[in-house]
Amino acid sequence: MKHTFPRDRRSIRAAPQAGAPGFLWCLVGIMTAIELVLSLSAFGIFGGQSLRWSIFELGAFWQPIFAGTVPPVYPGQIAVMFISHAFLHGGLVHLAMNSVVLLSLGKFISAHVGEARTLLVLLLSAVAGAACFGLLSSSPAPMIGASGAVFGLIGLWQAMDYRIRRRAGLPLQPIVMAILGLIAANIALFVILAGGLAWQAHLGGWIVGWLSGQTFARR
């Protein structure tokens, strides 16, 4: 009787992943838990109605603190806020939009470059998004959300597509059009939201994602 277990085991190991990796679900879970607490507090169910702004004061990215015109609330805030802002959102809709892209695109990216490099790109994109916002914006309002990290994944995805097309001798026009589409979408949302869009964070995250896709996170 022929023993086929080793071949079956390799097939199982090579099978495509059914869902997003666990580390992405953990990130989304943390963001969701935070937002649920803040949303419940707004209705007076949990904590006070000012809890959201109290948390924003501690964890959001503040350009005035970055610029040194306003002192930090606690020691180390100027460093912590480069990461903590990505776990805070302005509501369930804001959270859902970032989470959907994070899970779907993150699954695709991690399948090609690995979980460790995907997580590193997310981290670097969040930091770069905050830095770009701090350098290009003068807004006193708090900057929150994982969109800088999400745009890092988008930049990496487009860099991967660019490299594939270039190696295969395929036209690069779809990449150019996709990038122009991102720019147009950001402009439109900036106008619709009356300046409430942190496009600077999107730009910083995307640049890091693109550069990552050309260097350490190449497919």
C-alpha atoms as a PDB file:
ATOM      1  CA  MET A   1       0.000   0.000   0.000  1.00  0.00           C
ATOM      2  CA  LYS A   2       1.456   3.312  -1.067  1.00  0.00           C
ATOM      3  CA  HIS A   3       2.076   5.848   1.685  1.00  0.00           C
ATOM      4  CA  THR A   4       0.901   9.306   0.511  1.00  0.00           C
ATOM      5  CA  PHE A   5       0.906  11.328   3.747  1.00  0.00           C
ATOM      6  CA  PRO A   6       4.048  13.411   2.974  1.00  0.00           C
ATOM      7  CA  ARG A   7       2.598  14.546  -0.359  1.00  0.00           C
ATOM      8  CA  ASP A   8      -0.747  15.407   1.250  1.00  0.00           C
ATOM      9  CA  ARG A   9       0.997  17.349   3.983  1.00  0.00           C
ATOM     10  CA  ARG A  10       2.885  19.433   1.431  1.00  0.00           C
ATOM     11  CA  SER A  11      -0.328  20.092  -0.434  1.00  0.00           C
ATOM     12  CA  ILE A  12      -2.015  21.293   2.715  1.00  0.00           C
ATOM     13  CA  ARG A  13       0.932  23.520   3.518  1.00  0.00           C
ATOM     14  CA  ALA A  14       0.904  25.021   0.021  1.00  0.00           C
ATOM     15  CA  ALA A  15      -2.833  25.597  -0.023  1.00  0.00           C
ATOM     16  CA  PRO A  16      -3.847  29.252  -0.275  1.00  0.00           C
ATOM     17  CA  GLN A  17      -4.801  30.943   2.961  1.00  0.00           C
ATOM     18  CA  ALA A  18      -8.544  31.018   3.466  1.00  0.00           C
ATOM     19  CA  GLY A  19      -8.661  34.251   5.438  1.00  0.00           C
ATOM     20  CA  ALA A  20      -6.545  37.134   6.600  1.00  0.00           C
ATOM     21  CA  PRO A  21      -3.563  36.263   8.829  1.00  0.00           C
ATOM     22  CA  GLY A  22      -4.057  36.262  12.568  1.00  0.00           C
ATOM     23  CA  PHE A  23      -1.878  39.310  13.187  1.00  0.00           C
ATOM     24  CA  LEU A  24      -4.171  41.424  10.979  1.00  0.00           C
ATOM     25  CA  TRP A  25      -7.223  40.225  12.913  1.00  0.00           C
ATOM     26  CA  CYS A  26      -5.417  41.112  16.140  1.00  0.00           C
ATOM     27  CA  LEU A  27      -4.771  44.647  14.904  1.00  0.00           C
ATOM     28  CA  VAL A  28      -8.366  45.050  13.781  1.00  0.00           C
ATOM     29  CA  GLY A  29      -9.572  43.548  17.053  1.00  0.00           C
ATOM     30  CA  ILE A  30      -7.606  46.064  19.105  1.00  0.00           C
ATOM     31  CA  MET A  31      -8.883  48.975  17.017  1.00  0.00           C
ATOM     32  CA  THR A  32     -12.451  47.657  17.237  1.00  0.00           C
ATOM     33  CA  ALA A  33     -12.298  47.214  21.019  1.00  0.00           C
ATOM     34  CA  ILE A  34     -11.060  50.771  21.447  1.00  0.00           C
ATOM     35  CA  GLU A  35     -13.718  52.207  19.143  1.00  0.00           C
ATOM     36  CA  LEU A  36     -16.526  50.240  20.794  1.00  0.00           C
ATOM     37  CA  VAL A  37     -15.548  51.618  24.196  1.00  0.00           C
ATOM     38  CA  LEU A  38     -15.410  55.165  22.815  1.00  0.00           C
ATOM     39  CA  SER A  39     -18.711  54.766  20.952  1.00  0.00           C
ATOM     40  CA  LEU A  40     -20.461  53.378  24.032  1.00  0.00           C
ATOM     41  CA  SER A  41     -19.102  56.230  26.095  1.00  0.00           C
ATOM     42  CA  ALA A  42     -20.659  58.718  23.686  1.00  0.00           C
ATOM     43  CA  PHE A  43     -24.070  57.286  24.600  1.00  0.00           C
ATOM     44  CA  GLY A  44     -23.263  57.354  28.298  1.00  0.00           C
ATOM     45  CA  ILE A  45     -23.224  53.546  28.492  1.00  0.00           C
ATOM     46  CA  PHE A  46     -19.559  53.272  29.387  1.00  0.00           C
ATOM     47  CA  GLY A  47     -17.555  56.044  31.020  1.00  0.00           C
ATOM     48  CA  GLY A  48     -18.242  59.697  30.428  1.00  0.00           C
ATOM     49  CA  GLN A  49     -19.172  61.353  27.159  1.00  0.00           C
ATOM     50  CA  SER A  50     -15.814  63.132  27.142  1.00  0.00           C
ATOM     51  CA  LEU A  51     -13.873  59.846  27.117  1.00  0.00           C
ATOM     52  CA  ARG A  52     -13.221  59.977  23.361  1.00  0.00           C
ATOM     53  CA  TRP A  53     -11.556  63.364  23.548  1.00  0.00           C
ATOM     54  CA  SER A  54      -9.633  62.349  26.652  1.00  0.00           C
ATOM     55  CA  ILE A  55      -8.239  59.362  24.751  1.00  0.00           C
ATOM     56  CA  PHE A  56      -7.545  61.521  21.691  1.00  0.00           C
ATOM     57  CA  GLU A  57      -5.631  63.918  23.887  1.00  0.00           C
ATOM     58  CA  LEU A  58      -3.359  61.076  24.963  1.00  0.00           C
ATOM     59  CA  GLY A  59      -3.093  58.989  21.792  1.00  0.00           C
ATOM     60  CA  ALA A  60      -3.872  61.058  18.705  1.00  0.00           C
ATOM     61  CA  PHE A  61      -1.125  62.675  16.653  1.00  0.00           C
ATOM     62  CA  TRP A  62      -0.948  66.381  17.449  1.00  0.00           C
ATOM     63  CA  GLN A  63       0.952  68.613  15.043  1.00  0.00           C
ATOM     64  CA  PRO A  64       1.434  71.370  17.656  1.00  0.00           C
ATOM     65  CA  ILE A  65       3.161  68.865  19.967  1.00  0.00           C
ATOM     66  CA  PHE A  66       5.271  67.616  17.048  1.00  0.00           C
ATOM     67  CA  ALA A  67       6.225  71.201  16.186  1.00  0.00           C
ATOM     68  CA  GLY A  68       7.023  72.022  19.804  1.00  0.00           C
ATOM     69  CA  THR A  69       4.491  74.848  20.108  1.00  0.00           C
ATOM     70  CA  VAL A  70       2.452  72.912  22.683  1.00  0.00           C
ATOM     71  CA  PRO A  71       4.014  70.800  25.472  1.00  0.00           C
ATOM     72  CA  PRO A  72       3.205  67.067  25.583  1.00  0.00           C
ATOM     73  CA  VAL A  73       0.666  65.818  28.106  1.00  0.00           C
ATOM     74  CA  TYR A  74       3.032  63.118  29.399  1.00  0.00           C
ATOM     75  CA  PRO A  75       6.699  62.174  28.904  1.00  0.00           C
ATOM     76  CA  GLY A  76       7.287  60.304  25.678  1.00  0.00           C
ATOM     77  CA  GLN A  77       4.022  61.369  24.039  1.00  0.00           C
ATOM     78  CA  ILE A  78       5.844  62.852  21.060  1.00  0.00           C
ATOM     79  CA  ALA A  79       7.168  59.353  20.273  1.00  0.00           C
ATOM     80  CA  VAL A  80       4.129  57.276  21.296  1.00  0.00           C
ATOM     81  CA  MET A  81       1.689  59.269  19.170  1.00  0.00           C
ATOM     82  CA  PHE A  82       3.504  58.209  15.989  1.00  0.00           C
ATOM     83  CA  ILE A  83       1.991  54.736  16.539  1.00  0.00           C
ATOM     84  CA  SER A  84      -0.975  55.214  18.871  1.00  0.00           C
ATOM     85  CA  HIS A  85      -2.850  57.471  16.434  1.00  0.00           C
ATOM     86  CA  ALA A  86      -3.306  54.513  14.061  1.00  0.00           C
ATOM     87  CA  PHE A  87      -5.405  52.608  16.626  1.00  0.00           C
ATOM     88  CA  LEU A  88      -7.883  55.468  17.122  1.00  0.00           C
ATOM     89  CA  HIS A  89     -10.785  56.317  14.831  1.00  0.00           C
ATOM     90  CA  GLY A  90     -13.516  58.886  14.558  1.00  0.00           C
ATOM     91  CA  GLY A  91     -16.380  56.393  14.544  1.00  0.00           C
ATOM     92  CA  LEU A  92     -17.467  52.945  13.420  1.00  0.00           C
ATOM     93  CA  VAL A  93     -17.677  53.927   9.741  1.00  0.00           C
ATOM     94  CA  HIS A  94     -14.126  55.291   9.794  1.00  0.00           C
ATOM     95  CA  LEU A  95     -12.959  52.090  11.507  1.00  0.00           C
ATOM     96  CA  ALA A  96     -14.837  49.825   9.088  1.00  0.00           C
ATOM     97  CA  MET A  97     -13.360  51.482   5.994  1.00  0.00           C
ATOM     98  CA  ASN A  98      -9.786  51.062   7.222  1.00  0.00           C
ATOM     99  CA  SER A  99     -10.384  47.554   8.568  1.00  0.00           C
ATOM    100  CA  VAL A 100     -11.843  46.201   5.317  1.00  0.00           C
ATOM    101  CA  VAL A 101      -8.851  47.361   3.284  1.00  0.00           C
ATOM    102  CA  LEU A 102      -6.407  46.271   5.987  1.00  0.00           C
ATOM    103  CA  LEU A 103      -7.783  42.725   6.045  1.00  0.00           C
ATOM    104  CA  SER A 104      -8.332  42.242   2.310  1.00  0.00           C
ATOM    105  CA  LEU A 105      -5.207  43.894   0.967  1.00  0.00           C
ATOM    106  CA  GLY A 106      -3.141  42.778   3.949  1.00  0.00           C
ATOM    107  CA  LYS A 107      -4.043  39.165   3.207  1.00  0.00           C
ATOM    108  CA  PHE A 108      -2.843  39.533  -0.374  1.00  0.00           C
ATOM    109  CA  ILE A 109       0.366  41.341   0.593  1.00  0.00           C
ATOM    110  CA  SER A 110       1.321  38.932   3.387  1.00  0.00           C
ATOM    111  CA  ALA A 111       0.813  35.958   1.062  1.00  0.00           C
ATOM    112  CA  HIS A 112       3.504  37.380  -1.231  1.00  0.00           C
ATOM    113  CA  VAL A 113       6.043  39.039   1.072  1.00  0.00           C
ATOM    114  CA  GLY A 114       5.379  37.293   4.394  1.00  0.00           C
ATOM    115  CA  GLU A 115       3.732  38.352   7.618  1.00  0.00           C
ATOM    116  CA  ALA A 116       6.829  39.898   9.219  1.00  0.00           C
ATOM    117  CA  ARG A 117       7.539  42.217   6.302  1.00  0.00           C
ATOM    118  CA  THR A 118       3.860  43.108   5.974  1.00  0.00           C
ATOM    119  CA  LEU A 119       3.750  44.081   9.642  1.00  0.00           C
ATOM    120  CA  LEU A 120       6.952  46.102   9.247  1.00  0.00           C
ATOM    121  CA  VAL A 121       5.477  47.975   6.276  1.00  0.00           C
ATOM    122  CA  LEU A 122       2.364  48.757   8.320  1.00  0.00           C
ATOM    123  CA  LEU A 123       4.486  50.061  11.183  1.00  0.00           C
ATOM    124  CA  LEU A 124       6.756  52.172   8.988  1.00  0.00           C
ATOM    125  CA  SER A 125       3.798  53.522   7.003  1.00  0.00           C
ATOM    126  CA  ALA A 126       1.973  54.608  10.158  1.00  0.00           C
ATOM    127  CA  VAL A 127       5.091  56.398  11.395  1.00  0.00           C
ATOM    128  CA  ALA A 128       5.776  57.991   8.008  1.00  0.00           C
ATOM    129  CA  GLY A 129       2.150  59.070   7.688  1.00  0.00           C
ATOM    130  CA  ALA A 130       2.324  60.825  11.038  1.00  0.00           C
ATOM    131  CA  ALA A 131       5.670  62.420  10.187  1.00  0.00           C
ATOM    132  CA  CYS A 132       4.375  63.667   6.845  1.00  0.00           C
ATOM    133  CA  PHE A 133       1.298  65.125   8.543  1.00  0.00           C
ATOM    134  CA  GLY A 134       3.489  66.817  11.126  1.00  0.00           C
ATOM    135  CA  LEU A 135       5.713  68.359   8.462  1.00  0.00           C
ATOM    136  CA  LEU A 136       3.081  69.398   5.907  1.00  0.00           C
ATOM    137  CA  SER A 137       0.103  70.314   8.082  1.00  0.00           C
ATOM    138  CA  SER A 138      -0.422  73.178  10.483  1.00  0.00           C
ATOM    139  CA  SER A 139      -3.780  71.924  11.726  1.00  0.00           C
ATOM    140  CA  PRO A 140      -4.312  72.040  15.511  1.00  0.00           C
ATOM    141  CA  ALA A 141      -6.865  69.208  15.227  1.00  0.00           C
ATOM    142  CA  PRO A 142      -5.913  65.654  16.222  1.00  0.00           C
ATOM    143  CA  MET A 143      -4.915  63.257  13.439  1.00  0.00           C
ATOM    144  CA  ILE A 144      -6.241  59.728  13.942  1.00  0.00           C
ATOM    145  CA  GLY A 145      -6.822  56.534  11.977  1.00  0.00           C
ATOM    146  CA  ALA A 146      -4.976  53.648  10.338  1.00  0.00           C
ATOM    147  CA  SER A 147      -5.258  55.128   6.854  1.00  0.00           C
ATOM    148  CA  GLY A 148      -1.548  55.964   6.711  1.00  0.00           C
ATOM    149  CA  ALA A 149      -0.755  52.279   7.269  1.00  0.00           C
ATOM    150  CA  VAL A 150      -3.481  51.276   4.815  1.00  0.00           C
ATOM    151  CA  PHE A 151      -2.003  53.541   2.143  1.00  0.00           C
ATOM    152  CA  GLY A 152       1.317  51.876   2.832  1.00  0.00           C
ATOM    153  CA  LEU A 153      -0.235  48.589   1.743  1.00  0.00           C
ATOM    154  CA  ILE A 154      -1.694  50.282  -1.322  1.00  0.00           C
ATOM    155  CA  GLY A 155       1.717  51.709  -2.230  1.00  0.00           C
ATOM    156  CA  LEU A 156       3.352  48.309  -1.770  1.00  0.00           C
ATOM    157  CA  TRP A 157       0.666  46.613  -3.860  1.00  0.00           C
ATOM    158  CA  GLN A 158       1.163  49.121  -6.686  1.00  0.00           C
ATOM    159  CA  ALA A 159       4.941  48.745  -6.459  1.00  0.00           C
ATOM    160  CA  MET A 160       4.548  44.980  -6.832  1.00  0.00           C
ATOM    161  CA  ASP A 161       2.298  45.449  -9.852  1.00  0.00           C
ATOM    162  CA  TYR A 162       4.785  47.923 -11.327  1.00  0.00           C
ATOM    163  CA  ARG A 163       7.681  45.484 -11.006  1.00  0.00           C
ATOM    164  CA  ILE A 164       5.667  42.615 -12.503  1.00  0.00           C
ATOM    165  CA  ARG A 165       4.571  44.727 -15.449  1.00  0.00           C
ATOM    166  CA  ARG A 166       8.038  46.070 -16.059  1.00  0.00           C
ATOM    167  CA  ARG A 167       9.624  42.592 -16.037  1.00  0.00           C
ATOM    168  CA  ALA A 168       6.924  41.267 -18.369  1.00  0.00           C
ATOM    169  CA  GLY A 169       7.173  44.235 -20.715  1.00  0.00           C
ATOM    170  CA  LEU A 170       3.535  45.176 -20.079  1.00  0.00           C
ATOM    171  CA  PRO A 171       2.297  48.778 -20.317  1.00  0.00           C
ATOM    172  CA  LEU A 172       2.644  50.851 -17.140  1.00  0.00           C
ATOM    173  CA  GLN A 173      -0.349  53.038 -17.929  1.00  0.00           C
ATOM    174  CA  PRO A 174      -2.681  51.145 -15.521  1.00  0.00           C
ATOM    175  CA  ILE A 175      -0.298  51.912 -12.639  1.00  0.00           C
ATOM    176  CA  VAL A 176      -0.134  55.578 -13.564  1.00  0.00           C
ATOM    177  CA  MET A 177      -3.914  55.773 -13.858  1.00  0.00           C
ATOM    178  CA  ALA A 178      -4.377  54.032 -10.504  1.00  0.00           C
ATOM    179  CA  ILE A 179      -2.038  56.521  -8.801  1.00  0.00           C
ATOM    180  CA  LEU A 180      -3.825  59.445 -10.443  1.00  0.00           C
ATOM    181  CA  GLY A 181      -7.115  57.934  -9.280  1.00  0.00           C
ATOM    182  CA  LEU A 182      -5.831  57.863  -5.691  1.00  0.00           C
ATOM    183  CA  ILE A 183      -4.831  61.508  -5.953  1.00  0.00           C
ATOM    184  CA  ALA A 184      -8.216  62.474  -7.387  1.00  0.00           C
ATOM    185  CA  ALA A 185     -10.047  60.531  -4.660  1.00  0.00           C
ATOM    186  CA  ASN A 186      -8.063  62.288  -1.951  1.00  0.00           C
ATOM    187  CA  ILE A 187      -8.777  65.694  -3.459  1.00  0.00           C
ATOM    188  CA  ALA A 188     -12.490  64.914  -3.731  1.00  0.00           C
ATOM    189  CA  LEU A 189     -12.708  63.649  -0.152  1.00  0.00           C
ATOM    190  CA  PHE A 190     -10.727  66.634   1.098  1.00  0.00           C
ATOM    191  CA  VAL A 191     -13.298  68.945  -0.480  1.00  0.00           C
ATOM    192  CA  ILE A 192     -16.308  66.894   0.657  1.00  0.00           C
ATOM    193  CA  LEU A 193     -15.006  66.712   4.218  1.00  0.00           C
ATOM    194  CA  ALA A 194     -14.202  70.440   4.228  1.00  0.00           C
ATOM    195  CA  GLY A 195     -10.512  69.868   4.885  1.00  0.00           C
ATOM    196  CA  GLY A 196     -11.075  67.072   7.389  1.00  0.00           C
ATOM    197  CA  LEU A 197      -8.987  64.546   5.456  1.00  0.00           C
ATOM    198  CA  ALA A 198      -5.394  63.915   6.521  1.00  0.00           C
ATOM    199  CA  TRP A 199      -4.074  63.523   2.988  1.00  0.00           C
ATOM    200  CA  GLN A 200      -0.570  64.131   4.295  1.00  0.00           C
ATOM    201  CA  ALA A 201      -0.744  60.865   6.257  1.00  0.00           C
ATOM    202  CA  HIS A 202      -1.963  59.061   3.145  1.00  0.00           C
ATOM    203  CA  LEU A 203       0.956  60.469   1.163  1.00  0.00           C
ATOM    204  CA  GLY A 204       3.563  59.505   3.754  1.00  0.00           C
ATOM    205  CA  GLY A 205       2.184  55.989   4.099  1.00  0.00           C
ATOM    206  CA  TRP A 206       1.984  55.463   0.341  1.00  0.00           C
ATOM    207  CA  ILE A 207       5.573  56.621  -0.224  1.00  0.00           C
ATOM    208  CA  VAL A 208       6.886  54.158   2.357  1.00  0.00           C
ATOM    209  CA  GLY A 209       4.797  51.359   0.847  1.00  0.00           C
ATOM    210  CA  TRP A 210       6.090  52.096  -2.641  1.00  0.00           C
ATOM    211  CA  LEU A 211       9.718  52.267  -1.500  1.00  0.00           C
ATOM    212  CA  SER A 212       9.265  49.061   0.504  1.00  0.00           C
ATOM    213  CA  GLY A 213       7.986  47.322  -2.608  1.00  0.00           C
ATOM    214  CA  GLN A 214      11.155  48.345  -4.431  1.00  0.00           C
ATOM    215  CA  THR A 215      13.516  47.274  -1.643  1.00  0.00           C
ATOM    216  CA  PHE A 216      13.088  44.907   1.335  1.00  0.00           C
ATOM    217  CA  ALA A 217       9.471  43.917   0.585  1.00  0.00           C
ATOM    218  CA  ARG A 218       9.932  42.954  -3.035  1.00  0.00           C
ATOM    219  CA  ARG A 219       7.898  39.984  -4.201  1.00  0.00           C
END
